[in-house]
């Protein structure tokens, strides 16, 4: 009986997962060529909308930049820019199951 219960618990997953997950997602894929100003404005508008909706956590999918001619642009730009915003509490590389190096998890104030 103990083995069946453990299996049932594993299949249910973490019942608290929704508490730590992002409440909204921004994906930069398929947005075309963007300037640094475009990248920053899109992110700032998105995070302000999240804040207005009462969200505390957001996921920004930047991609890894493997198709960029000169390497990643979006991720590094946002890593420098987002911490300066008054609405942002913290920025970190996303968990592996949420995109890892190709995404950022943002906690809002």
N, C-alpha and C. Protein backbone atom coordinates (compact mmCIF):
# COMPACT_ATOMS: atom_id res chain seq x y z
N UNK A 1 0.82 -1.20 0.00
CA UNK A 1 0.00 0.00 0.00
C UNK A 1 0.86 1.26 0.00
N UNK A 2 1.98 1.27 0.70
CA UNK A 2 2.86 2.42 0.76
C UNK A 2 3.42 2.80 -0.60
N UNK A 3 3.77 1.79 -1.42
CA UNK A 3 4.34 2.06 -2.74
C UNK A 3 3.30 2.73 -3.64
N UNK A 4 2.05 2.29 -3.57
CA UNK A 4 1.00 2.88 -4.40
C UNK A 4 0.79 4.35 -4.02
N UNK A 5 0.77 4.64 -2.74
CA UNK A 5 0.57 6.03 -2.30
C UNK A 5 1.72 6.92 -2.78
N UNK A 6 2.97 6.44 -2.67
CA UNK A 6 4.11 7.22 -3.15
C UNK A 6 4.01 7.48 -4.64
N UNK A 7 3.58 6.47 -5.40
CA UNK A 7 3.42 6.64 -6.84
C UNK A 7 2.34 7.67 -7.13
N UNK A 8 1.23 7.62 -6.40
CA UNK A 8 0.14 8.59 -6.59
C UNK A 8 0.63 10.01 -6.31
N UNK A 9 1.43 10.18 -5.26
CA UNK A 9 1.95 11.51 -4.91
C UNK A 9 2.89 12.04 -5.99
N UNK A 10 3.74 11.15 -6.54
CA UNK A 10 4.66 11.57 -7.60
C UNK A 10 3.89 12.02 -8.84
N UNK A 11 2.81 11.35 -9.17
CA UNK A 11 2.03 11.69 -10.36
C UNK A 11 1.30 13.02 -10.18
N UNK A 12 0.92 13.34 -8.95
CA UNK A 12 0.23 14.59 -8.69
C UNK A 12 1.16 15.77 -8.86
N UNK A 13 2.45 15.57 -8.65
CA UNK A 13 3.40 16.67 -8.73
C UNK A 13 3.37 17.51 -7.46
N UNK A 14 3.98 18.64 -7.53
CA UNK A 14 4.06 19.54 -6.39
C UNK A 14 2.79 20.38 -6.32
N UNK A 15 2.03 20.22 -5.27
CA UNK A 15 0.77 20.96 -5.17
C UNK A 15 0.99 22.45 -4.95
N UNK A 16 2.22 22.85 -4.65
CA UNK A 16 2.54 24.26 -4.44
C UNK A 16 3.23 24.88 -5.66
N UNK A 17 3.36 24.14 -6.75
CA UNK A 17 4.08 24.63 -7.93
C UNK A 17 3.48 25.93 -8.47
N UNK A 18 2.17 26.06 -8.42
CA UNK A 18 1.52 27.25 -8.95
C UNK A 18 1.87 28.51 -8.15
N UNK A 19 2.31 28.34 -6.92
CA UNK A 19 2.65 29.49 -6.09
C UNK A 19 3.99 30.11 -6.48
N UNK A 20 4.89 29.30 -7.02
CA UNK A 20 6.21 29.82 -7.35
C UNK A 20 6.36 30.11 -8.84
N UNK A 21 5.40 29.70 -9.63
CA UNK A 21 5.50 29.88 -11.07
C UNK A 21 5.15 31.28 -11.53
N UNK A 22 5.54 31.60 -12.76
CA UNK A 22 5.22 32.92 -13.31
C UNK A 22 3.72 33.07 -13.54
N UNK A 23 3.25 34.29 -13.39
CA UNK A 23 1.83 34.57 -13.58
C UNK A 23 1.53 35.11 -14.97
N UNK A 24 2.60 35.47 -15.70
CA UNK A 24 2.44 35.93 -17.07
C UNK A 24 3.76 35.69 -17.80
N UNK A 25 3.68 35.59 -19.15
CA UNK A 25 4.84 35.25 -19.94
C UNK A 25 4.96 36.19 -21.15
N UNK A 26 6.17 36.64 -21.40
CA UNK A 26 6.49 37.40 -22.60
C UNK A 26 7.51 36.59 -23.38
N UNK A 27 7.24 36.36 -24.67
CA UNK A 27 8.14 35.57 -25.52
C UNK A 27 8.63 36.44 -26.67
N UNK A 28 9.93 36.65 -26.76
CA UNK A 28 10.52 37.48 -27.80
C UNK A 28 10.70 36.74 -29.13
N UNK A 29 10.49 35.43 -29.14
CA UNK A 29 10.61 34.69 -30.40
C UNK A 29 9.65 35.25 -31.44
N UNK A 30 10.06 35.26 -32.67
CA UNK A 30 9.25 35.69 -33.82
C UNK A 30 8.86 37.16 -33.77
N UNK A 31 9.59 38.00 -33.03
CA UNK A 31 9.31 39.44 -33.02
C UNK A 31 10.15 40.17 -34.06
N UNK A 32 11.03 39.44 -34.72
CA UNK A 32 11.86 40.07 -35.74
C UNK A 32 13.07 40.75 -35.14
N UNK A 33 13.68 41.60 -35.95
CA UNK A 33 14.87 42.32 -35.51
C UNK A 33 14.45 43.50 -34.65
N UNK A 34 15.02 43.58 -33.46
CA UNK A 34 14.67 44.63 -32.50
C UNK A 34 15.90 45.42 -32.11
N UNK A 35 15.71 46.71 -31.89
CA UNK A 35 16.79 47.53 -31.35
C UNK A 35 16.81 47.35 -29.83
N UNK A 36 17.86 47.82 -29.18
CA UNK A 36 17.90 47.74 -27.72
C UNK A 36 16.75 48.53 -27.11
N UNK A 37 16.42 49.67 -27.71
CA UNK A 37 15.27 50.45 -27.21
C UNK A 37 13.98 49.66 -27.33
N UNK A 38 13.80 48.96 -28.47
CA UNK A 38 12.61 48.13 -28.66
C UNK A 38 12.53 47.05 -27.58
N UNK A 39 13.65 46.38 -27.36
CA UNK A 39 13.71 45.30 -26.37
C UNK A 39 13.32 45.84 -24.99
N UNK A 40 13.88 46.96 -24.62
CA UNK A 40 13.62 47.54 -23.31
C UNK A 40 12.17 48.02 -23.19
N UNK A 41 11.66 48.69 -24.21
CA UNK A 41 10.28 49.20 -24.17
C UNK A 41 9.25 48.08 -24.09
N UNK A 42 9.47 47.02 -24.86
CA UNK A 42 8.54 45.87 -24.84
C UNK A 42 8.52 45.26 -23.44
N UNK A 43 9.70 45.06 -22.85
CA UNK A 43 9.78 44.45 -21.52
C UNK A 43 9.15 45.36 -20.47
N UNK A 44 9.44 46.65 -20.55
CA UNK A 44 8.90 47.58 -19.55
C UNK A 44 7.38 47.65 -19.62
N UNK A 45 6.83 47.71 -20.84
CA UNK A 45 5.37 47.73 -21.01
C UNK A 45 4.75 46.44 -20.46
N UNK A 46 5.37 45.31 -20.79
CA UNK A 46 4.87 44.02 -20.32
C UNK A 46 4.86 43.95 -18.79
N UNK A 47 5.96 44.35 -18.17
CA UNK A 47 6.06 44.28 -16.70
C UNK A 47 5.10 45.25 -16.03
N UNK A 48 4.86 46.40 -16.64
CA UNK A 48 3.89 47.34 -16.08
C UNK A 48 2.49 46.75 -16.13
N UNK A 49 2.16 46.07 -17.22
CA UNK A 49 0.85 45.41 -17.33
C UNK A 49 0.72 44.30 -16.29
N UNK A 50 1.80 43.55 -16.08
CA UNK A 50 1.80 42.52 -15.04
C UNK A 50 1.52 43.15 -13.68
N UNK A 51 2.23 44.21 -13.40
CA UNK A 51 2.07 44.91 -12.12
C UNK A 51 0.65 45.42 -11.96
N UNK A 52 0.08 45.99 -13.03
CA UNK A 52 -1.29 46.51 -12.99
C UNK A 52 -2.31 45.41 -12.71
N UNK A 53 -2.01 44.19 -13.17
CA UNK A 53 -2.91 43.05 -12.94
C UNK A 53 -2.68 42.40 -11.58
N UNK A 54 -1.68 42.87 -10.86
CA UNK A 54 -1.40 42.32 -9.54
C UNK A 54 -0.45 41.14 -9.55
N UNK A 55 0.18 40.87 -10.68
CA UNK A 55 1.13 39.76 -10.76
C UNK A 55 2.39 40.09 -9.98
N UNK A 56 3.00 39.07 -9.41
CA UNK A 56 4.25 39.25 -8.67
C UNK A 56 5.44 38.61 -9.37
N UNK A 57 5.15 37.67 -10.30
CA UNK A 57 6.23 36.96 -10.99
C UNK A 57 5.91 36.86 -12.47
N UNK A 58 6.93 37.08 -13.29
CA UNK A 58 6.77 37.01 -14.74
C UNK A 58 7.95 36.24 -15.33
N UNK A 59 7.69 35.64 -16.47
CA UNK A 59 8.72 34.92 -17.21
C UNK A 59 8.91 35.62 -18.54
N UNK A 60 10.15 35.94 -18.86
CA UNK A 60 10.46 36.55 -20.15
C UNK A 60 11.35 35.58 -20.91
N UNK A 61 10.83 35.09 -22.02
CA UNK A 61 11.57 34.15 -22.86
C UNK A 61 12.37 34.96 -23.87
N UNK A 62 13.68 34.93 -23.71
CA UNK A 62 14.57 35.72 -24.55
C UNK A 62 15.16 34.91 -25.69
N UNK A 63 15.19 33.61 -25.54
CA UNK A 63 15.93 32.76 -26.47
C UNK A 63 17.40 32.77 -26.09
N UNK A 64 18.14 31.86 -26.64
CA UNK A 64 19.56 31.75 -26.30
C UNK A 64 20.45 32.52 -27.25
N UNK A 65 19.88 33.05 -28.32
CA UNK A 65 20.66 33.83 -29.27
C UNK A 65 21.48 33.00 -30.22
N UNK A 66 21.18 31.72 -30.38
CA UNK A 66 21.98 30.85 -31.24
C UNK A 66 21.81 31.18 -32.72
N UNK A 67 20.77 31.90 -33.08
CA UNK A 67 20.56 32.27 -34.48
C UNK A 67 20.99 33.71 -34.75
N UNK A 68 21.45 34.41 -33.75
CA UNK A 68 21.92 35.79 -33.93
C UNK A 68 23.34 35.76 -34.51
N UNK A 69 23.58 36.67 -35.44
CA UNK A 69 24.89 36.70 -36.10
C UNK A 69 26.02 37.03 -35.13
N UNK A 70 25.75 37.92 -34.18
CA UNK A 70 26.78 38.36 -33.24
C UNK A 70 26.56 37.86 -31.83
N UNK A 71 25.83 36.79 -31.68
CA UNK A 71 25.57 36.24 -30.35
C UNK A 71 24.32 36.81 -29.72
N UNK A 72 24.01 36.40 -28.52
CA UNK A 72 22.79 36.84 -27.84
C UNK A 72 22.74 38.35 -27.66
N UNK A 73 21.54 38.90 -27.81
CA UNK A 73 21.34 40.34 -27.64
C UNK A 73 20.26 40.61 -26.59
N UNK A 74 19.13 39.94 -26.73
CA UNK A 74 17.97 40.23 -25.87
C UNK A 74 18.26 39.91 -24.41
N UNK A 75 18.75 38.71 -24.14
CA UNK A 75 19.04 38.31 -22.75
C UNK A 75 20.00 39.26 -22.05
N UNK A 76 21.18 39.49 -22.65
CA UNK A 76 22.13 40.41 -22.00
C UNK A 76 21.58 41.83 -21.83
N UNK A 77 20.83 42.31 -22.82
CA UNK A 77 20.24 43.65 -22.71
C UNK A 77 19.30 43.71 -21.52
N UNK A 78 18.44 42.71 -21.38
CA UNK A 78 17.47 42.73 -20.28
C UNK A 78 18.12 42.49 -18.93
N UNK A 79 19.17 41.69 -18.89
CA UNK A 79 19.87 41.46 -17.61
C UNK A 79 20.45 42.77 -17.06
N UNK A 80 20.90 43.64 -17.95
CA UNK A 80 21.44 44.94 -17.52
C UNK A 80 20.33 45.93 -17.21
N UNK A 81 19.26 45.89 -18.01
CA UNK A 81 18.22 46.92 -17.93
C UNK A 81 17.18 46.69 -16.84
N UNK A 82 16.68 45.49 -16.72
CA UNK A 82 15.55 45.22 -15.81
C UNK A 82 15.82 45.56 -14.34
N UNK A 83 16.99 45.27 -13.80
CA UNK A 83 17.22 45.60 -12.39
C UNK A 83 17.11 47.10 -12.08
N UNK A 84 17.21 47.94 -13.09
CA UNK A 84 17.10 49.39 -12.88
C UNK A 84 15.66 49.87 -12.75
N UNK A 85 14.71 49.04 -13.16
CA UNK A 85 13.30 49.45 -13.13
C UNK A 85 12.75 49.43 -11.70
N UNK A 86 11.96 50.44 -11.38
CA UNK A 86 11.38 50.54 -10.03
C UNK A 86 10.42 49.40 -9.74
N UNK A 87 9.80 48.83 -10.77
CA UNK A 87 8.83 47.74 -10.57
C UNK A 87 9.49 46.38 -10.35
N UNK A 88 10.79 46.29 -10.59
CA UNK A 88 11.48 45.00 -10.54
C UNK A 88 12.21 44.82 -9.22
N UNK A 89 11.91 43.70 -8.56
CA UNK A 89 12.60 43.34 -7.32
C UNK A 89 13.85 42.52 -7.61
N UNK A 90 13.71 41.52 -8.50
CA UNK A 90 14.86 40.68 -8.83
C UNK A 90 14.70 40.07 -10.22
N UNK A 91 15.85 39.72 -10.82
CA UNK A 91 15.90 39.07 -12.12
C UNK A 91 16.88 37.92 -12.00
N UNK A 92 16.47 36.76 -12.48
CA UNK A 92 17.39 35.63 -12.44
C UNK A 92 17.15 34.72 -13.64
N UNK A 93 18.14 33.92 -13.95
CA UNK A 93 17.99 32.93 -15.01
C UNK A 93 16.87 31.99 -14.62
N UNK A 94 16.03 31.66 -15.59
CA UNK A 94 14.88 30.81 -15.32
C UNK A 94 15.31 29.39 -14.94
N UNK A 95 14.43 28.74 -14.20
CA UNK A 95 14.66 27.32 -13.91
C UNK A 95 14.75 26.58 -15.23
N UNK A 96 15.42 25.48 -15.22
CA UNK A 96 15.61 24.69 -16.44
C UNK A 96 14.30 24.32 -17.11
N UNK A 97 13.30 23.95 -16.32
CA UNK A 97 12.01 23.54 -16.89
C UNK A 97 11.19 24.73 -17.40
N UNK A 98 11.69 25.96 -17.20
CA UNK A 98 11.00 27.15 -17.69
C UNK A 98 11.81 27.87 -18.77
N UNK A 99 12.88 27.26 -19.21
CA UNK A 99 13.66 27.86 -20.29
C UNK A 99 15.14 28.02 -20.00
N UNK A 100 15.53 27.85 -18.75
CA UNK A 100 16.95 27.93 -18.39
C UNK A 100 17.62 29.19 -18.89
N UNK A 101 18.74 29.04 -19.57
CA UNK A 101 19.53 30.17 -20.06
C UNK A 101 18.80 31.01 -21.10
N UNK A 102 17.71 30.49 -21.65
CA UNK A 102 16.96 31.22 -22.67
C UNK A 102 15.77 31.98 -22.11
N UNK A 103 15.72 32.16 -20.80
CA UNK A 103 14.58 32.87 -20.20
C UNK A 103 15.01 33.51 -18.88
N UNK A 104 14.24 34.51 -18.49
CA UNK A 104 14.49 35.21 -17.23
C UNK A 104 13.23 35.18 -16.37
N UNK A 105 13.41 34.91 -15.09
CA UNK A 105 12.31 34.99 -14.15
C UNK A 105 12.44 36.33 -13.43
N UNK A 106 11.35 37.09 -13.45
CA UNK A 106 11.36 38.43 -12.88
C UNK A 106 10.36 38.48 -11.73
N UNK A 107 10.85 38.91 -10.58
CA UNK A 107 9.96 39.12 -9.42
C UNK A 107 9.70 40.62 -9.32
N UNK A 108 8.42 40.97 -9.23
CA UNK A 108 8.03 42.38 -9.18
C UNK A 108 7.84 42.85 -7.76
N UNK A 109 7.97 44.15 -7.56
CA UNK A 109 7.77 44.76 -6.24
C UNK A 109 6.29 44.88 -5.95
